[in-house]
Amino acid sequence: MLLDKDIPAWIDLWAPEGTMDFPFAPPGWPKHLAGKEAIAAYLDGYDKHIDLREIPDLRIHQTTDPETIVAEMRGVGRLVETGNPYDMTYIAVVTVRNGQFTGYRDYWNPLGVLEPGADFTGSSR
């Protein structure tokens, strides 16, 4: 869905009370989002800032909790405003209940937005 730039379809996967956490977020970026509406607002315009073209490395790990998985991934594309490359690594701990996301801890690499040329001006931080 994210590769297809279909953010509304991705938001539809969320439970109303779902949360997103960003433990490694640098100063000025959100560390916690509570509720589907807050998550939708955070991702509004995502495709106007990041042209995600591929997820070349994706590994899904099962856990002892049947409602939780761990995903290791890498997103590759371009920053729309500058044309600079986008190459971000993530580890996500995802909780699902009744077919909907209820929790998403996103351990993305903050160094990717602190590097020279990484212009996220206007992004939802």
Protein backbone atom coordinates (compact mmCIF):
# COMPACT_ATOMS: atom_id res chain seq x y z
CA MET A 1 0.00 0.00 0.00
CA LEU A 2 2.78 2.45 0.83
CA LEU A 3 4.56 1.58 -2.41
CA ASP A 4 1.30 2.27 -4.25
CA LYS A 5 1.01 5.61 -2.39
CA ASP A 6 -2.36 4.42 -1.03
CA ILE A 7 -2.13 5.99 2.40
CA PRO A 8 -5.93 5.87 3.02
CA ALA A 9 -5.90 2.07 2.54
CA TRP A 10 -3.02 1.79 5.02
CA ILE A 11 -4.90 3.96 7.53
CA ASP A 12 -7.95 1.70 7.12
CA LEU A 13 -5.90 -1.13 8.66
CA TRP A 14 -5.77 0.71 11.99
CA ALA A 15 -8.00 0.24 15.02
CA PRO A 16 -9.53 3.51 16.26
CA GLU A 17 -7.42 3.33 19.44
CA GLY A 18 -4.20 2.35 17.65
CA THR A 19 -0.91 3.93 18.64
CA MET A 20 2.41 4.59 16.93
CA ASP A 21 5.61 5.11 18.87
CA PHE A 22 8.97 6.33 17.58
CA PRO A 23 11.51 5.61 20.35
CA PHE A 24 14.48 6.91 18.34
CA ALA A 25 12.82 10.07 16.97
CA PRO A 26 15.16 13.07 17.05
CA PRO A 27 14.14 16.36 18.71
CA GLY A 28 11.25 18.04 16.92
CA TRP A 29 9.77 14.76 15.66
CA PRO A 30 6.83 13.03 17.37
CA LYS A 31 7.57 10.21 19.79
CA HIS A 32 3.95 9.04 20.26
CA LEU A 33 0.72 9.18 18.27
CA ALA A 34 -2.55 8.12 19.90
CA GLY A 35 -5.54 7.13 17.79
CA LYS A 36 -6.26 6.46 14.15
CA GLU A 37 -6.96 10.15 13.46
CA ALA A 38 -3.55 11.22 14.80
CA ILE A 39 -1.84 8.54 12.73
CA ALA A 40 -3.73 9.65 9.61
CA ALA A 41 -2.74 13.29 10.23
CA TYR A 42 0.90 12.26 10.68
CA LEU A 43 0.91 10.41 7.35
CA ASP A 44 -1.07 13.05 5.46
CA GLY A 45 1.07 14.19 2.55
CA TYR A 46 3.66 11.43 3.06
CA ASP A 47 3.79 10.81 -0.68
CA LYS A 48 4.41 14.52 -1.32
CA HIS A 49 7.65 14.27 0.68
CA ILE A 50 8.89 10.73 0.10
CA ASP A 51 8.61 8.80 -3.15
CA LEU A 52 9.00 5.30 -1.73
CA ARG A 53 9.93 3.04 -4.64
CA GLU A 54 10.90 -0.26 -3.11
CA ILE A 55 11.32 -2.23 0.07
CA PRO A 56 14.24 -4.42 -0.99
CA ASP A 57 14.93 -5.96 2.40
CA LEU A 58 11.98 -7.26 4.40
CA ARG A 59 12.11 -9.89 7.11
CA ILE A 60 9.14 -10.80 9.30
CA HIS A 61 9.75 -12.48 12.65
CA GLN A 62 7.08 -14.26 14.64
CA THR A 63 7.05 -13.82 18.39
CA THR A 64 5.69 -15.85 21.28
CA ASP A 65 2.70 -13.47 21.32
CA PRO A 66 0.38 -14.43 18.42
CA GLU A 67 -0.77 -10.80 18.12
CA THR A 68 2.74 -9.37 17.70
CA ILE A 69 5.33 -9.54 14.92
CA VAL A 70 8.68 -7.87 14.39
CA ALA A 71 9.52 -6.58 10.91
CA GLU A 72 12.97 -5.56 9.70
CA MET A 73 12.86 -3.52 6.53
CA ARG A 74 14.57 -0.98 4.36
CA GLY A 75 12.72 1.65 2.33
CA VAL A 76 14.36 3.10 -0.78
CA GLY A 77 13.23 5.98 -2.97
CA ARG A 78 13.65 9.73 -3.41
CA LEU A 79 12.86 12.87 -1.46
CA VAL A 80 10.30 14.61 -3.64
CA GLU A 81 11.37 18.22 -3.01
CA THR A 82 15.09 17.73 -3.63
CA GLY A 83 15.32 14.54 -5.67
CA ASN A 84 17.92 13.28 -3.19
CA PRO A 85 18.01 9.55 -2.47
CA TYR A 86 15.96 8.18 0.41
CA ASP A 87 17.31 5.05 2.05
CA MET A 88 15.95 4.30 5.51
CA THR A 89 16.19 1.24 7.72
CA TYR A 90 13.43 0.32 10.13
CA ILE A 91 12.56 -2.24 12.75
CA ALA A 92 8.86 -2.28 13.62
CA VAL A 93 7.13 -4.11 16.44
CA VAL A 94 3.53 -4.47 15.27
CA THR A 95 0.53 -5.57 17.33
CA VAL A 96 -2.69 -6.66 15.62
CA ARG A 97 -6.07 -7.49 17.16
CA ASN A 98 -9.17 -8.49 15.23
CA GLY A 99 -7.36 -7.83 11.96
CA GLN A 100 -6.42 -4.22 12.79
CA PHE A 101 -3.18 -2.58 13.88
CA THR A 102 -3.35 -1.59 17.54
CA GLY A 103 0.31 -0.80 18.10
CA TYR A 104 3.29 0.05 15.91
CA ARG A 105 6.65 0.80 17.50
CA ASP A 106 8.78 2.17 14.68
CA TYR A 107 12.51 2.02 15.37
CA TRP A 108 13.53 4.00 12.29
CA ASN A 109 17.04 5.30 11.84
CA PRO A 110 17.11 9.00 12.84
CA LEU A 111 20.49 9.46 11.17
CA GLY A 112 18.70 9.27 7.81
CA VAL A 113 16.94 12.60 8.43
CA LEU A 114 19.96 14.26 10.01
CA GLU A 115 22.30 13.66 7.06
CA PRO A 116 23.15 16.55 4.72
CA GLY A 117 20.64 16.82 1.89
CA ALA A 118 17.86 15.04 3.77
CA ASP A 119 15.22 17.75 3.51
CA PHE A 120 12.03 16.84 5.33
CA THR A 121 10.76 20.44 5.45
CA GLY A 122 6.98 20.40 5.71
CA SER A 123 6.82 16.77 6.73
CA SER A 124 4.60 15.76 9.63
CA ARG A 125 7.16 15.90 12.39
